[in-house]
Amino acid sequence: MSFDAVAYAHEELVPRLRALCTLAESDEAPDQQRFFAAVLAGIESAREPDDLADPFLQLSMSAFQGFRFGPATDLLLDELLALAGRLAETLAIGPGERN
């Protein structure tokens, strides 16, 4: 059975992105909420691993948006970035090289 990157992204990243959107909304940070909602929409609409490239790129640029994150958002974003990074590394490995 092969690794399904899209299913993994939907299972692991989507719930965390939804939580980030909720935190941004409760922190009254509409720019953050829109930013994370756009990343969320990109991952939710992904059907092929290549579809994840743009949302991952956007997510990786979150530190350069000028946002001020609260502690809860900061922790959740760090977790999300780590998971997305591991997934990106897995996608960079050829299918025959994966365990």
C-alpha atoms as a PDB file:
ATOM      1  CA  MET A   1       0.000   0.000   0.000  1.00  0.00           C
ATOM      2  CA  SER A   2       1.431   3.353  -1.002  1.00  0.00           C
ATOM      3  CA  PHE A   3       1.477   6.550   1.004  1.00  0.00           C
ATOM      4  CA  ASP A   4      -1.408   8.893   0.142  1.00  0.00           C
ATOM      5  CA  ALA A   5      -0.094  12.421   0.640  1.00  0.00           C
ATOM      6  CA  VAL A   6      -3.428  14.083  -0.089  1.00  0.00           C
ATOM      7  CA  ALA A   7      -5.275  11.915   2.435  1.00  0.00           C
ATOM      8  CA  TYR A   8      -2.549  12.625   4.988  1.00  0.00           C
ATOM      9  CA  ALA A   9      -2.832  16.380   4.352  1.00  0.00           C
ATOM     10  CA  HIS A  10      -6.615  16.210   4.716  1.00  0.00           C
ATOM     11  CA  GLU A  11      -6.399  14.192   7.941  1.00  0.00           C
ATOM     12  CA  GLU A  12      -3.502  15.950   9.659  1.00  0.00           C
ATOM     13  CA  LEU A  13      -3.298  19.475   8.276  1.00  0.00           C
ATOM     14  CA  VAL A  14      -6.920  20.444   7.623  1.00  0.00           C
ATOM     15  CA  PRO A  15      -8.042  20.171  11.283  1.00  0.00           C
ATOM     16  CA  ARG A  16      -5.083  22.263  12.408  1.00  0.00           C
ATOM     17  CA  LEU A  17      -5.740  24.885   9.741  1.00  0.00           C
ATOM     18  CA  ARG A  18      -9.369  25.061  10.817  1.00  0.00           C
ATOM     19  CA  ALA A  19      -8.186  25.572  14.391  1.00  0.00           C
ATOM     20  CA  LEU A  20      -5.856  28.373  13.229  1.00  0.00           C
ATOM     21  CA  CYS A  21      -8.777  30.047  11.454  1.00  0.00           C
ATOM     22  CA  THR A  22     -10.845  29.800  14.625  1.00  0.00           C
ATOM     23  CA  LEU A  23      -8.024  31.233  16.744  1.00  0.00           C
ATOM     24  CA  ALA A  24      -7.515  34.095  14.302  1.00  0.00           C
ATOM     25  CA  GLU A  25     -11.220  34.832  14.373  1.00  0.00           C
ATOM     26  CA  SER A  26     -11.348  34.806  18.183  1.00  0.00           C
ATOM     27  CA  ASP A  27      -8.220  37.007  18.306  1.00  0.00           C
ATOM     28  CA  GLU A  28     -10.001  39.421  15.956  1.00  0.00           C
ATOM     29  CA  ALA A  29      -7.266  39.045  13.354  1.00  0.00           C
ATOM     30  CA  PRO A  30      -9.168  39.076  10.044  1.00  0.00           C
ATOM     31  CA  ASP A  31      -6.020  39.206   7.885  1.00  0.00           C
ATOM     32  CA  GLN A  32      -4.686  36.066   9.563  1.00  0.00           C
ATOM     33  CA  GLN A  33      -8.063  34.383   9.258  1.00  0.00           C
ATOM     34  CA  ARG A  34      -8.225  35.108   5.511  1.00  0.00           C
ATOM     35  CA  PHE A  35      -4.641  33.955   5.023  1.00  0.00           C
ATOM     36  CA  PHE A  36      -5.158  30.624   6.793  1.00  0.00           C
ATOM     37  CA  ALA A  37      -8.577  30.150   5.170  1.00  0.00           C
ATOM     38  CA  ALA A  38      -6.941  30.466   1.732  1.00  0.00           C
ATOM     39  CA  VAL A  39      -4.317  27.858   2.653  1.00  0.00           C
ATOM     40  CA  LEU A  40      -7.072  25.644   4.055  1.00  0.00           C
ATOM     41  CA  ALA A  41      -9.114  25.936   0.855  1.00  0.00           C
ATOM     42  CA  GLY A  42      -6.079  24.988  -1.216  1.00  0.00           C
ATOM     43  CA  ILE A  43      -5.405  21.864   0.813  1.00  0.00           C
ATOM     44  CA  GLU A  44      -9.066  20.876   0.989  1.00  0.00           C
ATOM     45  CA  SER A  45      -9.369  21.109  -2.793  1.00  0.00           C
ATOM     46  CA  ALA A  46      -6.189  19.083  -3.428  1.00  0.00           C
ATOM     47  CA  ARG A  47      -6.787  15.863  -5.315  1.00  0.00           C
ATOM     48  CA  GLU A  48      -3.198  15.081  -6.373  1.00  0.00           C
ATOM     49  CA  PRO A  49       0.066  15.534  -4.464  1.00  0.00           C
ATOM     50  CA  ASP A  50       1.107  18.302  -6.881  1.00  0.00           C
ATOM     51  CA  ASP A  51      -1.990  20.255  -5.801  1.00  0.00           C
ATOM     52  CA  LEU A  52      -0.386  20.676  -2.373  1.00  0.00           C
ATOM     53  CA  ALA A  53       2.589  22.678  -3.646  1.00  0.00           C
ATOM     54  CA  ASP A  54       0.929  26.109  -3.710  1.00  0.00           C
ATOM     55  CA  PRO A  55      -0.798  25.862  -0.313  1.00  0.00           C
ATOM     56  CA  PHE A  56       2.441  24.576   1.237  1.00  0.00           C
ATOM     57  CA  LEU A  57       4.356  27.484  -0.279  1.00  0.00           C
ATOM     58  CA  GLN A  58       1.774  29.925   1.089  1.00  0.00           C
ATOM     59  CA  LEU A  59       1.928  28.277   4.510  1.00  0.00           C
ATOM     60  CA  SER A  60       5.717  28.466   4.580  1.00  0.00           C
ATOM     61  CA  MET A  61       5.442  32.216   3.951  1.00  0.00           C
ATOM     62  CA  SER A  62       3.285  32.807   7.047  1.00  0.00           C
ATOM     63  CA  ALA A  63       6.285  34.131   8.972  1.00  0.00           C
ATOM     64  CA  PHE A  64       6.779  36.848   6.365  1.00  0.00           C
ATOM     65  CA  GLN A  65       3.230  38.226   6.457  1.00  0.00           C
ATOM     66  CA  GLY A  66       3.889  40.577   9.360  1.00  0.00           C
ATOM     67  CA  PHE A  67       1.339  38.845  11.590  1.00  0.00           C
ATOM     68  CA  ARG A  68       1.605  38.957  15.368  1.00  0.00           C
ATOM     69  CA  PHE A  69       0.545  35.593  16.711  1.00  0.00           C
ATOM     70  CA  GLY A  70      -0.641  34.828  20.208  1.00  0.00           C
ATOM     71  CA  PRO A  71       1.002  31.942  22.086  1.00  0.00           C
ATOM     72  CA  ALA A  72      -1.699  29.392  21.166  1.00  0.00           C
ATOM     73  CA  THR A  73      -1.531  30.327  17.478  1.00  0.00           C
ATOM     74  CA  ASP A  74       2.255  30.252  17.546  1.00  0.00           C
ATOM     75  CA  LEU A  75       2.332  26.717  18.972  1.00  0.00           C
ATOM     76  CA  LEU A  76      -0.279  25.411  16.578  1.00  0.00           C
ATOM     77  CA  LEU A  77       1.427  27.032  13.599  1.00  0.00           C
ATOM     78  CA  ASP A  78       4.777  25.504  14.592  1.00  0.00           C
ATOM     79  CA  GLU A  79       3.140  22.078  14.763  1.00  0.00           C
ATOM     80  CA  LEU A  80       1.429  22.592  11.418  1.00  0.00           C
ATOM     81  CA  LEU A  81       4.642  23.749   9.735  1.00  0.00           C
ATOM     82  CA  ALA A  82       6.525  20.734  11.093  1.00  0.00           C
ATOM     83  CA  LEU A  83       3.890  18.332   9.754  1.00  0.00           C
ATOM     84  CA  ALA A  84       3.789  20.084   6.386  1.00  0.00           C
ATOM     85  CA  GLY A  85       7.586  20.024   6.237  1.00  0.00           C
ATOM     86  CA  ARG A  86       7.712  16.290   6.868  1.00  0.00           C
ATOM     87  CA  LEU A  87       5.062  15.743   4.220  1.00  0.00           C
ATOM     88  CA  ALA A  88       6.977  17.893   1.726  1.00  0.00           C
ATOM     89  CA  GLU A  89      10.135  15.878   2.433  1.00  0.00           C
ATOM     90  CA  THR A  90       8.216  12.652   1.861  1.00  0.00           C
ATOM     91  CA  LEU A  91       6.878  13.970  -1.444  1.00  0.00           C
ATOM     92  CA  ALA A  92      10.415  14.898  -2.516  1.00  0.00           C
ATOM     93  CA  ILE A  93      11.485  11.275  -2.148  1.00  0.00           C
ATOM     94  CA  GLY A  94      10.703   9.130  -5.158  1.00  0.00           C
ATOM     95  CA  PRO A  95       7.963   6.510  -4.661  1.00  0.00           C
ATOM     96  CA  GLY A  96      10.479   3.664  -4.985  1.00  0.00           C
ATOM     97  CA  GLU A  97      12.619   5.133  -2.192  1.00  0.00           C
ATOM     98  CA  ARG A  98       9.865   5.331   0.434  1.00  0.00           C
ATOM     99  CA  ASN A  99       9.608   2.731   3.164  1.00  0.00           C
END
